[in-house]
Amino acid sequence: MMSEEYKWPIPCGISIPQVFTETDVDIEFVRAFAKDAEAFGYHSLWVQERIIGTANQLEPINLLSFLSGITKTIRLGTAVIVATTRNPFVLAKELTTLDHLSDGRLTLGLALGGNPSTYQLLGAPERHRVRHFMESLNIIKDFWTQERVSRQGTFWNFRELSMMPMPVQKPRPPIWLGGRHPNALKRSVRHADGWMGAGSTSSKEFASHVKIVQDEMARLNVKPSDFHISKRCYIAIDDDEQRAESRLADWFGAHYGNSEMASHVSVFGSIDKCANGLQEIIDAGAQMLMLNPVFDQMEHLHSLKAEVIPLLKSASSRSVGH
């Protein structure tokens, strides 16, 4: 039977409740949310990473392992793992295991990360972060596609090592890179299968980043069908815009330490206003939306599916006047 996602104007993933700023961690709520998201036909469930912080936040890979056991068909993604703070050998093994646990539903989102002040505590290098990132990425790719791997680099040198089993997905799970610097945007086209716009960027910033990505795709003759563009969209549906903005600011202050970011990067307000805000992101080039409500998540899960998403149109249908 065809998944309901194919009836949607655009595939929509949704962030699993992972950051608890107003309550204690509630695993039963996470379980119910995941099951409803799958039943409603959402494309994917997404986690993010923040190891050090004041908000109650669950670690992403362990959380996805839990989700893999309570869902059957919905894809599972990381947006994003901070690669410079993870040992690539352990990470490759953990994610391979996750791909097996989920029967091939993993999408790996990786990034350099935007808060290097704490990364050294987690084993990140003090210098040459991009080189470290690229070596890590290539090690993961190699162990996912080769039975015996050799590497000679700045950070790791080894010969004829094996890591079995390889992932379920062939040739490997898709890898999407995050980032906003022009070099990072171009790097995603050269070395990955997709790019995800950060939730901490506005729709206007996303559009300018997409232009850089698409120019690089044209330069390298990468087909749009071979490279995926998505964006995390913080969203709050509420006819009382002032209340929505205030609640978003509280969450951004607790999670990011920057309450002012909320109104700059979020889509919020009435159903029509939220639909218009998401449509702007689609028209800018997003092929998938990572919807991220940060409060009243279950209500948003239902309202987005029933009231907002039906108002959206794919970029292609708008271009021909449908």
C-alpha atoms as a PDB file:
ATOM      1  CA  MET A   1       0.000   0.000   0.000  1.00  0.00           C
ATOM      2  CA  MET A   2       1.364   3.425  -0.929  1.00  0.00           C
ATOM      3  CA  SER A   3       2.441   5.498   2.065  1.00  0.00           C
ATOM      4  CA  GLU A   4       0.302   8.543   2.764  1.00  0.00           C
ATOM      5  CA  GLU A   5       3.373  10.755   2.423  1.00  0.00           C
ATOM      6  CA  TYR A   6       2.985  10.525  -1.375  1.00  0.00           C
ATOM      7  CA  LYS A   7      -0.385  12.264  -1.188  1.00  0.00           C
ATOM      8  CA  TRP A   8       1.118  15.247   0.584  1.00  0.00           C
ATOM      9  CA  PRO A   9       2.151  18.339  -1.417  1.00  0.00           C
ATOM     10  CA  ILE A  10       5.666  17.952  -0.013  1.00  0.00           C
ATOM     11  CA  PRO A  11       7.209  15.350   2.316  1.00  0.00           C
ATOM     12  CA  CYS A  12       7.119  16.644   5.884  1.00  0.00           C
ATOM     13  CA  GLY A  13       9.269  15.291   8.655  1.00  0.00           C
ATOM     14  CA  ILE A  14       8.756  16.321  12.252  1.00  0.00           C
ATOM     15  CA  SER A  15      11.055  16.665  15.240  1.00  0.00           C
ATOM     16  CA  ILE A  16      10.441  14.198  18.026  1.00  0.00           C
ATOM     17  CA  PRO A  17       9.942  15.752  21.476  1.00  0.00           C
ATOM     18  CA  GLN A  18      13.512  15.712  22.729  1.00  0.00           C
ATOM     19  CA  VAL A  19      14.038  19.022  24.526  1.00  0.00           C
ATOM     20  CA  PHE A  20      11.935  19.486  27.663  1.00  0.00           C
ATOM     21  CA  THR A  21      12.151  23.074  28.912  1.00  0.00           C
ATOM     22  CA  GLU A  22       8.919  23.178  30.928  1.00  0.00           C
ATOM     23  CA  THR A  23       8.641  19.596  32.225  1.00  0.00           C
ATOM     24  CA  ASP A  24      10.706  16.572  33.125  1.00  0.00           C
ATOM     25  CA  VAL A  25      11.599  14.116  30.374  1.00  0.00           C
ATOM     26  CA  ASP A  26       8.432  12.216  29.421  1.00  0.00           C
ATOM     27  CA  ILE A  27       9.224   9.003  27.539  1.00  0.00           C
ATOM     28  CA  GLU A  28       5.591   7.902  27.302  1.00  0.00           C
ATOM     29  CA  PHE A  29       4.805  11.170  25.539  1.00  0.00           C
ATOM     30  CA  VAL A  30       7.708  10.553  23.141  1.00  0.00           C
ATOM     31  CA  ARG A  31       6.334   7.076  22.447  1.00  0.00           C
ATOM     32  CA  ALA A  32       2.802   8.326  21.746  1.00  0.00           C
ATOM     33  CA  PHE A  33       4.079  11.154  19.540  1.00  0.00           C
ATOM     34  CA  ALA A  34       6.206   8.817  17.434  1.00  0.00           C
ATOM     35  CA  LYS A  35       3.385   6.342  16.924  1.00  0.00           C
ATOM     36  CA  ASP A  36       0.932   9.070  15.902  1.00  0.00           C
ATOM     37  CA  ALA A  37       3.457  10.665  13.529  1.00  0.00           C
ATOM     38  CA  GLU A  38       3.909   7.338  11.768  1.00  0.00           C
ATOM     39  CA  ALA A  39       0.168   6.663  11.644  1.00  0.00           C
ATOM     40  CA  PHE A  40      -0.501  10.114  10.169  1.00  0.00           C
ATOM     41  CA  GLY A  41       1.957   9.551   7.322  1.00  0.00           C
ATOM     42  CA  TYR A  42       4.747  11.954   8.269  1.00  0.00           C
ATOM     43  CA  HIS A  43       7.865  11.318   6.222  1.00  0.00           C
ATOM     44  CA  SER A  44      10.377  11.123   9.077  1.00  0.00           C
ATOM     45  CA  LEU A  45      11.224  11.715  12.722  1.00  0.00           C
ATOM     46  CA  TRP A  46      14.205  13.945  13.495  1.00  0.00           C
ATOM     47  CA  VAL A  47      16.528  14.493  16.429  1.00  0.00           C
ATOM     48  CA  GLN A  48      19.177  17.120  17.084  1.00  0.00           C
ATOM     49  CA  GLU A  49      22.264  17.210  19.284  1.00  0.00           C
ATOM     50  CA  ARG A  50      23.234  19.365  22.226  1.00  0.00           C
ATOM     51  CA  ILE A  51      25.296  17.439  24.757  1.00  0.00           C
ATOM     52  CA  ILE A  52      26.021  20.327  27.139  1.00  0.00           C
ATOM     53  CA  GLY A  53      23.197  22.709  28.059  1.00  0.00           C
ATOM     54  CA  THR A  54      20.710  23.686  30.739  1.00  0.00           C
ATOM     55  CA  ALA A  55      17.552  22.267  29.114  1.00  0.00           C
ATOM     56  CA  ASN A  56      16.487  18.645  29.608  1.00  0.00           C
ATOM     57  CA  GLN A  57      17.586  17.120  26.295  1.00  0.00           C
ATOM     58  CA  LEU A  58      17.957  13.474  25.319  1.00  0.00           C
ATOM     59  CA  GLU A  59      21.009  12.175  23.432  1.00  0.00           C
ATOM     60  CA  PRO A  60      20.094  11.665  19.756  1.00  0.00           C
ATOM     61  CA  ILE A  61      21.476   8.246  18.801  1.00  0.00           C
ATOM     62  CA  ASN A  62      20.079   6.505  21.866  1.00  0.00           C
ATOM     63  CA  LEU A  63      16.752   8.220  21.258  1.00  0.00           C
ATOM     64  CA  LEU A  64      16.653   7.074  17.627  1.00  0.00           C
ATOM     65  CA  SER A  65      17.445   3.521  18.751  1.00  0.00           C
ATOM     66  CA  PHE A  66      14.405   3.677  21.018  1.00  0.00           C
ATOM     67  CA  LEU A  67      12.286   5.056  18.174  1.00  0.00           C
ATOM     68  CA  SER A  68      13.457   2.316  15.827  1.00  0.00           C
ATOM     69  CA  GLY A  69      11.916  -0.252  18.143  1.00  0.00           C
ATOM     70  CA  ILE A  70       8.483   1.364  18.408  1.00  0.00           C
ATOM     71  CA  THR A  71       8.007   2.350  14.746  1.00  0.00           C
ATOM     72  CA  LYS A  72       8.036   0.324  11.543  1.00  0.00           C
ATOM     73  CA  THR A  73       8.081   2.503   8.422  1.00  0.00           C
ATOM     74  CA  ILE A  74       8.793   6.161   9.208  1.00  0.00           C
ATOM     75  CA  ARG A  75      12.342   7.287   8.433  1.00  0.00           C
ATOM     76  CA  LEU A  76      14.668   8.352  11.257  1.00  0.00           C
ATOM     77  CA  GLY A  77      17.142  11.212  10.914  1.00  0.00           C
ATOM     78  CA  THR A  78      19.738  13.237  12.779  1.00  0.00           C
ATOM     79  CA  ALA A  79      19.725  16.999  12.207  1.00  0.00           C
ATOM     80  CA  VAL A  80      22.486  17.151  13.106  1.00  0.00           C
ATOM     81  CA  ILE A  81      25.260  15.150  14.767  1.00  0.00           C
ATOM     82  CA  VAL A  82      28.272  17.376  15.479  1.00  0.00           C
ATOM     83  CA  ALA A  83      30.890  15.233  13.782  1.00  0.00           C
ATOM     84  CA  THR A  84      33.947  16.907  15.312  1.00  0.00           C
ATOM     85  CA  THR A  85      32.832  15.829  18.801  1.00  0.00           C
ATOM     86  CA  ARG A  86      32.370  12.160  17.894  1.00  0.00           C
ATOM     87  CA  ASN A  87      34.907   9.427  17.258  1.00  0.00           C
ATOM     88  CA  PRO A  88      34.187   8.391  13.652  1.00  0.00           C
ATOM     89  CA  PHE A  89      34.854   4.691  14.268  1.00  0.00           C
ATOM     90  CA  VAL A  90      32.401   4.513  17.157  1.00  0.00           C
ATOM     91  CA  LEU A  91      29.928   6.734  15.316  1.00  0.00           C
ATOM     92  CA  ALA A  92      30.052   4.540  12.206  1.00  0.00           C
ATOM     93  CA  LYS A  93      29.404   1.461  14.344  1.00  0.00           C
ATOM     94  CA  GLU A  94      26.565   3.067  16.311  1.00  0.00           C
ATOM     95  CA  LEU A  95      24.839   4.287  13.175  1.00  0.00           C
ATOM     96  CA  THR A  96      25.291   0.971  11.363  1.00  0.00           C
ATOM     97  CA  THR A  97      23.648  -0.715  14.314  1.00  0.00           C
ATOM     98  CA  LEU A  98      20.832   1.838  14.157  1.00  0.00           C
ATOM     99  CA  ASP A  99      20.338   1.173  10.440  1.00  0.00           C
ATOM    100  CA  HIS A 100      19.956  -2.526  11.245  1.00  0.00           C
ATOM    101  CA  LEU A 101      17.634  -1.909  14.184  1.00  0.00           C
ATOM    102  CA  SER A 102      15.407   0.239  11.969  1.00  0.00           C
ATOM    103  CA  ASP A 103      15.637  -2.070   8.932  1.00  0.00           C
ATOM    104  CA  GLY A 104      17.294   0.587   6.795  1.00  0.00           C
ATOM    105  CA  ARG A 105      15.473   3.790   7.782  1.00  0.00           C
ATOM    106  CA  LEU A 106      18.406   6.006   8.836  1.00  0.00           C
ATOM    107  CA  THR A 107      19.329   9.372   7.309  1.00  0.00           C
ATOM    108  CA  LEU A 108      22.534  10.785   8.772  1.00  0.00           C
ATOM    109  CA  GLY A 109      22.764  14.540   9.159  1.00  0.00           C
ATOM    110  CA  LEU A 110      26.251  15.799  10.041  1.00  0.00           C
ATOM    111  CA  ALA A 111      27.717  19.238  10.628  1.00  0.00           C
ATOM    112  CA  LEU A 112      30.779  21.014  11.920  1.00  0.00           C
ATOM    113  CA  GLY A 113      28.732  22.595  14.681  1.00  0.00           C
ATOM    114  CA  GLY A 114      28.206  26.191  15.696  1.00  0.00           C
ATOM    115  CA  ASN A 115      29.384  26.308  19.317  1.00  0.00           C
ATOM    116  CA  PRO A 116      33.058  25.271  19.357  1.00  0.00           C
ATOM    117  CA  SER A 117      33.659  26.827  22.795  1.00  0.00           C
ATOM    118  CA  THR A 118      32.517  23.604  24.483  1.00  0.00           C
ATOM    119  CA  TYR A 119      33.530  21.097  21.818  1.00  0.00           C
ATOM    120  CA  GLN A 120      37.052  20.550  23.146  1.00  0.00           C
ATOM    121  CA  LEU A 121      35.475  19.050  26.265  1.00  0.00           C
ATOM    122  CA  LEU A 122      34.028  16.389  23.969  1.00  0.00           C
ATOM    123  CA  GLY A 123      37.272  15.587  22.170  1.00  0.00           C
ATOM    124  CA  ALA A 124      37.082  18.026  19.270  1.00  0.00           C
ATOM    125  CA  PRO A 125      40.379  19.354  17.885  1.00  0.00           C
ATOM    126  CA  GLU A 126      41.589  22.840  18.723  1.00  0.00           C
ATOM    127  CA  ARG A 127      42.702  23.467  15.132  1.00  0.00           C
ATOM    128  CA  HIS A 128      41.936  22.224  11.613  1.00  0.00           C
ATOM    129  CA  ARG A 129      38.274  21.532  12.414  1.00  0.00           C
ATOM    130  CA  VAL A 130      37.270  21.280   8.749  1.00  0.00           C
ATOM    131  CA  ARG A 131      40.062  18.809   8.018  1.00  0.00           C
ATOM    132  CA  HIS A 132      39.012  16.759  11.053  1.00  0.00           C
ATOM    133  CA  PHE A 133      35.391  16.872   9.871  1.00  0.00           C
ATOM    134  CA  MET A 134      36.264  15.694   6.371  1.00  0.00           C
ATOM    135  CA  GLU A 135      38.459  12.866   7.622  1.00  0.00           C
ATOM    136  CA  SER A 136      35.642  11.746   9.932  1.00  0.00           C
ATOM    137  CA  LEU A 137      33.107  11.879   7.119  1.00  0.00           C
ATOM    138  CA  ASN A 138      35.302   9.862   4.780  1.00  0.00           C
ATOM    139  CA  ILE A 139      36.042   7.244   7.444  1.00  0.00           C
ATOM    140  CA  ILE A 140      32.322   6.715   7.993  1.00  0.00           C
ATOM    141  CA  LYS A 141      31.686   6.481   4.255  1.00  0.00           C
ATOM    142  CA  ASP A 142      34.516   3.999   3.785  1.00  0.00           C
ATOM    143  CA  PHE A 143      33.436   1.670   6.577  1.00  0.00           C
ATOM    144  CA  TRP A 144      29.881   1.789   5.240  1.00  0.00           C
ATOM    145  CA  THR A 145      30.890   0.727   1.727  1.00  0.00           C
ATOM    146  CA  GLN A 146      34.153  -1.264   1.946  1.00  0.00           C
ATOM    147  CA  GLU A 147      35.021  -4.517   3.669  1.00  0.00           C
ATOM    148  CA  ARG A 148      38.600  -3.408   4.334  1.00  0.00           C
ATOM    149  CA  VAL A 149      39.575   0.220   4.833  1.00  0.00           C
ATOM    150  CA  SER A 150      42.899   2.080   4.819  1.00  0.00           C
ATOM    151  CA  ARG A 151      43.411   5.788   5.515  1.00  0.00           C
ATOM    152  CA  GLN A 152      46.374   8.124   5.814  1.00  0.00           C
ATOM    153  CA  GLY A 153      45.418  11.506   7.162  1.00  0.00           C
ATOM    154  CA  THR A 154      46.239  14.205   9.681  1.00  0.00           C
ATOM    155  CA  PHE A 155      44.186  12.713  12.519  1.00  0.00           C
ATOM    156  CA  TRP A 156      43.889   8.998  11.717  1.00  0.00           C
ATOM    157  CA  ASN A 157      46.241   6.560   9.998  1.00  0.00           C
ATOM    158  CA  PHE A 158      45.399   2.878   9.649  1.00  0.00           C
ATOM    159  CA  ARG A 159      45.562  -0.009   7.207  1.00  0.00           C
ATOM    160  CA  GLU A 160      43.291  -2.878   6.298  1.00  0.00           C
ATOM    161  CA  LEU A 161      40.704  -2.511   9.058  1.00  0.00           C
ATOM    162  CA  SER A 162      37.248  -4.060   8.910  1.00  0.00           C
ATOM    163  CA  MET A 163      33.973  -3.117  10.570  1.00  0.00           C
ATOM    164  CA  MET A 164      31.160  -5.567  10.015  1.00  0.00           C
ATOM    165  CA  PRO A 165      28.308  -5.676   9.335  1.00  0.00           C
ATOM    166  CA  MET A 166      27.839  -2.878   6.862  1.00  0.00           C
ATOM    167  CA  PRO A 167      24.533  -0.958   6.878  1.00  0.00           C
ATOM    168  CA  VAL A 168      21.289  -2.370   5.526  1.00  0.00           C
ATOM    169  CA  GLN A 169      20.891   0.489   3.022  1.00  0.00           C
ATOM    170  CA  LYS A 170      22.960   0.204  -0.136  1.00  0.00           C
ATOM    171  CA  PRO A 171      25.296   1.596  -1.134  1.00  0.00           C
ATOM    172  CA  ARG A 172      24.990   3.297   2.297  1.00  0.00           C
ATOM    173  CA  PRO A 173      22.553   5.414   4.317  1.00  0.00           C
ATOM    174  CA  PRO A 174      22.042   8.902   2.860  1.00  0.00           C
ATOM    175  CA  ILE A 175      24.244  11.612   4.340  1.00  0.00           C
ATOM    176  CA  TRP A 176      23.032  15.210   4.509  1.00  0.00           C
ATOM    177  CA  LEU A 177      25.285  18.006   5.722  1.00  0.00           C
ATOM    178  CA  GLY A 178      24.308  21.100   7.642  1.00  0.00           C
ATOM    179  CA  GLY A 179      25.977  24.489   7.688  1.00  0.00           C
ATOM    180  CA  ARG A 180      25.505  28.043   6.524  1.00  0.00           C
ATOM    181  CA  HIS A 181      28.952  29.292   5.524  1.00  0.00           C
ATOM    182  CA  PRO A 182      29.372  29.328   1.725  1.00  0.00           C
ATOM    183  CA  ASN A 183      32.202  26.807   2.015  1.00  0.00           C
ATOM    184  CA  ALA A 184      29.970  24.473   4.022  1.00  0.00           C
ATOM    185  CA  LEU A 185      27.156  24.825   1.501  1.00  0.00           C
ATOM    186  CA  LYS A 186      29.440  23.949  -1.390  1.00  0.00           C
ATOM    187  CA  ARG A 187      31.014  21.130   0.616  1.00  0.00           C
ATOM    188  CA  SER A 188      27.605  19.521   1.048  1.00  0.00           C
ATOM    189  CA  VAL A 189      27.158  19.297  -2.743  1.00  0.00           C
ATOM    190  CA  ARG A 190      30.629  17.851  -3.254  1.00  0.00           C
ATOM    191  CA  HIS A 191      30.605  15.293  -0.465  1.00  0.00           C
ATOM    192  CA  ALA A 192      27.026  14.443   0.533  1.00  0.00           C
ATOM    193  CA  ASP A 193      23.594  13.487  -0.714  1.00  0.00           C
ATOM    194  CA  GLY A 194      21.791  16.537   0.599  1.00  0.00           C
ATOM    195  CA  TRP A 195      21.902  19.747   2.608  1.00  0.00           C
ATOM    196  CA  MET A 196      19.645  20.811   5.447  1.00  0.00           C
ATOM    197  CA  GLY A 197      19.042  24.443   6.283  1.00  0.00           C
ATOM    198  CA  ALA A 198      19.462  25.209   9.964  1.00  0.00           C
ATOM    199  CA  GLY A 199      16.494  26.045  12.136  1.00  0.00           C
ATOM    200  CA  SER A 200      18.494  29.015  13.383  1.00  0.00           C
ATOM    201  CA  THR A 201      18.258  30.723   9.977  1.00  0.00           C
ATOM    202  CA  SER A 202      15.381  32.796   8.637  1.00  0.00           C
ATOM    203  CA  SER A 203      13.469  32.015   5.459  1.00  0.00           C
ATOM    204  CA  LYS A 204      15.292  34.841   3.680  1.00  0.00           C
ATOM    205  CA  GLU A 205      18.680  33.485   4.791  1.00  0.00           C
ATOM    206  CA  PHE A 206      17.634  30.002   3.692  1.00  0.00           C
ATOM    207  CA  ALA A 207      16.778  31.306   0.224  1.00  0.00           C
ATOM    208  CA  SER A 208      20.220  32.887  -0.145  1.00  0.00           C
ATOM    209  CA  HIS A 209      21.871  29.652   0.987  1.00  0.00           C
ATOM    210  CA  VAL A 210      19.839  27.601  -1.488  1.00  0.00           C
ATOM    211  CA  LYS A 211      21.117  29.824  -4.290  1.00  0.00           C
ATOM    212  CA  ILE A 212      24.720  28.979  -3.363  1.00  0.00           C
ATOM    213  CA  VAL A 213      23.866  25.268  -3.187  1.00  0.00           C
ATOM    214  CA  GLN A 214      22.093  25.310  -6.540  1.00  0.00           C
ATOM    215  CA  ASP A 215      24.923  27.219  -8.214  1.00  0.00           C
ATOM    216  CA  GLU A 216      27.363  24.580  -6.979  1.00  0.00           C
ATOM    217  CA  MET A 217      25.050  21.826  -8.190  1.00  0.00           C
ATOM    218  CA  ALA A 218      24.988  23.431 -11.628  1.00  0.00           C
ATOM    219  CA  ARG A 219      28.762  23.799 -11.645  1.00  0.00           C
ATOM    220  CA  LEU A 220      29.235  20.108 -10.813  1.00  0.00           C
ATOM    221  CA  ASN A 221      26.327  18.886 -12.980  1.00  0.00           C
ATOM    222  CA  VAL A 222      24.480  17.451  -9.977  1.00  0.00           C
ATOM    223  CA  LYS A 223      20.850  16.742 -10.804  1.00  0.00           C
ATOM    224  CA  PRO A 224      18.170  18.042  -8.401  1.00  0.00           C
ATOM    225  CA  SER A 225      16.866  14.483  -8.170  1.00  0.00           C
ATOM    226  CA  ASP A 226      20.272  13.368  -6.865  1.00  0.00           C
ATOM    227  CA  PHE A 227      20.640  15.986  -4.130  1.00  0.00           C
ATOM    228  CA  HIS A 228      18.129  16.735  -1.402  1.00  0.00           C
ATOM    229  CA  ILE A 229      17.453  20.184   0.083  1.00  0.00           C
ATOM    230  CA  SER A 230      15.525  20.489   3.333  1.00  0.00           C
ATOM    231  CA  LYS A 231      15.077  22.909   6.224  1.00  0.00           C
ATOM    232  CA  ARG A 232      14.277  22.686   9.910  1.00  0.00           C
ATOM    233  CA  CYS A 233      11.269  24.944  10.512  1.00  0.00           C
ATOM    234  CA  TYR A 234      10.473  26.076  14.029  1.00  0.00           C
ATOM    235  CA  ILE A 235       6.730  26.587  14.031  1.00  0.00           C
ATOM    236  CA  ALA A 236       3.974  27.667  16.413  1.00  0.00           C
ATOM    237  CA  ILE A 237       0.281  27.715  15.445  1.00  0.00           C
ATOM    238  CA  ASP A 238      -1.673  30.229  17.515  1.00  0.00           C
ATOM    239  CA  ASP A 239      -4.138  32.949  16.519  1.00  0.00           C
ATOM    240  CA  ASP A 240      -2.642  34.973  19.367  1.00  0.00           C
ATOM    241  CA  GLU A 241       0.677  35.864  17.715  1.00  0.00           C
ATOM    242  CA  GLN A 242       2.000  37.670  20.763  1.00  0.00           C
ATOM    243  CA  ARG A 243       1.465  34.579  22.913  1.00  0.00           C
ATOM    244  CA  ALA A 244       3.106  32.342  20.303  1.00  0.00           C
ATOM    245  CA  GLU A 245       6.105  34.652  20.038  1.00  0.00           C
ATOM    246  CA  SER A 246       6.448  34.800  23.824  1.00  0.00           C
ATOM    247  CA  ARG A 247       6.370  31.017  24.204  1.00  0.00           C
ATOM    248  CA  LEU A 248       8.872  30.590  21.391  1.00  0.00           C
ATOM    249  CA  ALA A 249      11.156  33.163  23.032  1.00  0.00           C
ATOM    250  CA  ASP A 250      11.007  31.260  26.305  1.00  0.00           C
ATOM    251  CA  TRP A 251      11.998  28.020  24.581  1.00  0.00           C
ATOM    252  CA  PHE A 252      14.793  29.596  22.533  1.00  0.00           C
ATOM    253  CA  GLY A 253      16.128  31.232  25.673  1.00  0.00           C
ATOM    254  CA  ALA A 254      16.182  27.913  27.541  1.00  0.00           C
ATOM    255  CA  HIS A 255      17.589  25.854  24.662  1.00  0.00           C
ATOM    256  CA  TYR A 256      19.813  28.234  22.700  1.00  0.00           C
ATOM    257  CA  GLY A 257      20.382  30.910  25.320  1.00  0.00           C
ATOM    258  CA  ASN A 258      19.040  33.447  22.817  1.00  0.00           C
ATOM    259  CA  SER A 259      15.358  34.355  23.161  1.00  0.00           C
ATOM    260  CA  GLU A 260      15.575  37.063  20.488  1.00  0.00           C
ATOM    261  CA  MET A 261      16.327  34.461  17.821  1.00  0.00           C
ATOM    262  CA  ALA A 262      12.799  33.067  18.069  1.00  0.00           C
ATOM    263  CA  SER A 263      10.912  35.731  16.134  1.00  0.00           C
ATOM    264  CA  HIS A 264      13.701  35.999  13.552  1.00  0.00           C
ATOM    265  CA  VAL A 265      13.748  32.345  12.487  1.00  0.00           C
ATOM    266  CA  SER A 266      10.346  30.879  13.416  1.00  0.00           C
ATOM    267  CA  VAL A 267       7.071  30.580  11.527  1.00  0.00           C
ATOM    268  CA  PHE A 268       4.232  31.441  13.879  1.00  0.00           C
ATOM    269  CA  GLY A 269       0.676  32.755  14.037  1.00  0.00           C
ATOM    270  CA  SER A 270      -2.613  31.665  12.500  1.00  0.00           C
ATOM    271  CA  ILE A 271      -3.043  28.611  10.308  1.00  0.00           C
ATOM    272  CA  ASP A 272      -2.963  30.750   7.176  1.00  0.00           C
ATOM    273  CA  LYS A 273       0.105  32.666   8.305  1.00  0.00           C
ATOM    274  CA  CYS A 274       1.962  29.457   9.155  1.00  0.00           C
ATOM    275  CA  ALA A 275       1.034  27.959   5.789  1.00  0.00           C
ATOM    276  CA  ASN A 276       2.267  31.082   4.014  1.00  0.00           C
ATOM    277  CA  GLY A 277       5.517  30.996   5.977  1.00  0.00           C
ATOM    278  CA  LEU A 278       6.147  27.356   5.098  1.00  0.00           C
ATOM    279  CA  GLN A 279       5.218  28.008   1.474  1.00  0.00           C
ATOM    280  CA  GLU A 280       7.913  30.671   1.330  1.00  0.00           C
ATOM    281  CA  ILE A 281      10.461  28.045   2.349  1.00  0.00           C
ATOM    282  CA  ILE A 282       9.174  25.583  -0.252  1.00  0.00           C
ATOM    283  CA  ASP A 283       9.297  28.237  -2.957  1.00  0.00           C
ATOM    284  CA  ALA A 284      12.890  28.997  -1.958  1.00  0.00           C
ATOM    285  CA  GLY A 285      13.845  25.428  -2.838  1.00  0.00           C
ATOM    286  CA  ALA A 286      13.064  23.089   0.065  1.00  0.00           C
ATOM    287  CA  GLN A 287      12.184  19.583  -1.090  1.00  0.00           C
ATOM    288  CA  MET A 288      11.266  18.482   2.427  1.00  0.00           C
ATOM    289  CA  LEU A 289      10.246  20.335   5.581  1.00  0.00           C
ATOM    290  CA  MET A 290      11.528  19.333   9.017  1.00  0.00           C
ATOM    291  CA  LEU A 291       8.710  20.763  11.129  1.00  0.00           C
ATOM    292  CA  ASN A 292       9.750  21.580  14.672  1.00  0.00           C
ATOM    293  CA  PRO A 293       7.039  22.604  17.139  1.00  0.00           C
ATOM    294  CA  VAL A 294       8.612  23.278  20.531  1.00  0.00           C
ATOM    295  CA  PHE A 295       5.505  23.364  22.741  1.00  0.00           C
ATOM    296  CA  ASP A 296       2.081  21.687  22.566  1.00  0.00           C
ATOM    297  CA  GLN A 297       3.792  19.182  20.283  1.00  0.00           C
ATOM    298  CA  MET A 298       0.945  16.688  20.088  1.00  0.00           C
ATOM    299  CA  GLU A 299      -1.545  19.402  19.203  1.00  0.00           C
ATOM    300  CA  HIS A 300       0.829  20.656  16.533  1.00  0.00           C
ATOM    301  CA  LEU A 301       1.328  17.142  15.165  1.00  0.00           C
ATOM    302  CA  HIS A 302      -2.413  16.930  14.532  1.00  0.00           C
ATOM    303  CA  SER A 303      -3.009  20.526  13.409  1.00  0.00           C
ATOM    304  CA  LEU A 304      -0.114  20.609  10.986  1.00  0.00           C
ATOM    305  CA  LYS A 305      -1.329  17.438   9.259  1.00  0.00           C
ATOM    306  CA  ALA A 306      -5.010  18.395   9.222  1.00  0.00           C
ATOM    307  CA  GLU A 307      -4.983  22.164   8.712  1.00  0.00           C
ATOM    308  CA  VAL A 308      -1.629  23.586   7.591  1.00  0.00           C
ATOM    309  CA  ILE A 309      -0.010  21.049   5.270  1.00  0.00           C
ATOM    310  CA  PRO A 310      -3.131  20.721   3.033  1.00  0.00           C
ATOM    311  CA  LEU A 311      -2.756  24.437   2.234  1.00  0.00           C
ATOM    312  CA  LEU A 312       0.779  23.962   0.868  1.00  0.00           C
ATOM    313  CA  LYS A 313       1.667  23.535  -2.768  1.00  0.00           C
ATOM    314  CA  SER A 314       4.779  21.993  -4.230  1.00  0.00           C
ATOM    315  CA  ALA A 315       7.100  24.454  -5.908  1.00  0.00           C
ATOM    316  CA  SER A 316       6.562  22.713  -9.259  1.00  0.00           C
ATOM    317  CA  SER A 317       2.770  23.009  -9.076  1.00  0.00           C
ATOM    318  CA  ARG A 318       2.978  26.704  -8.223  1.00  0.00           C
ATOM    319  CA  SER A 319       5.303  27.310 -11.154  1.00  0.00           C
ATOM    320  CA  VAL A 320       2.664  26.060 -13.600  1.00  0.00           C
ATOM    321  CA  GLY A 321      -0.158  27.913 -11.927  1.00  0.00           C
ATOM    322  CA  HIS A 322      -1.826  25.014 -10.081  1.00  0.00           C
END
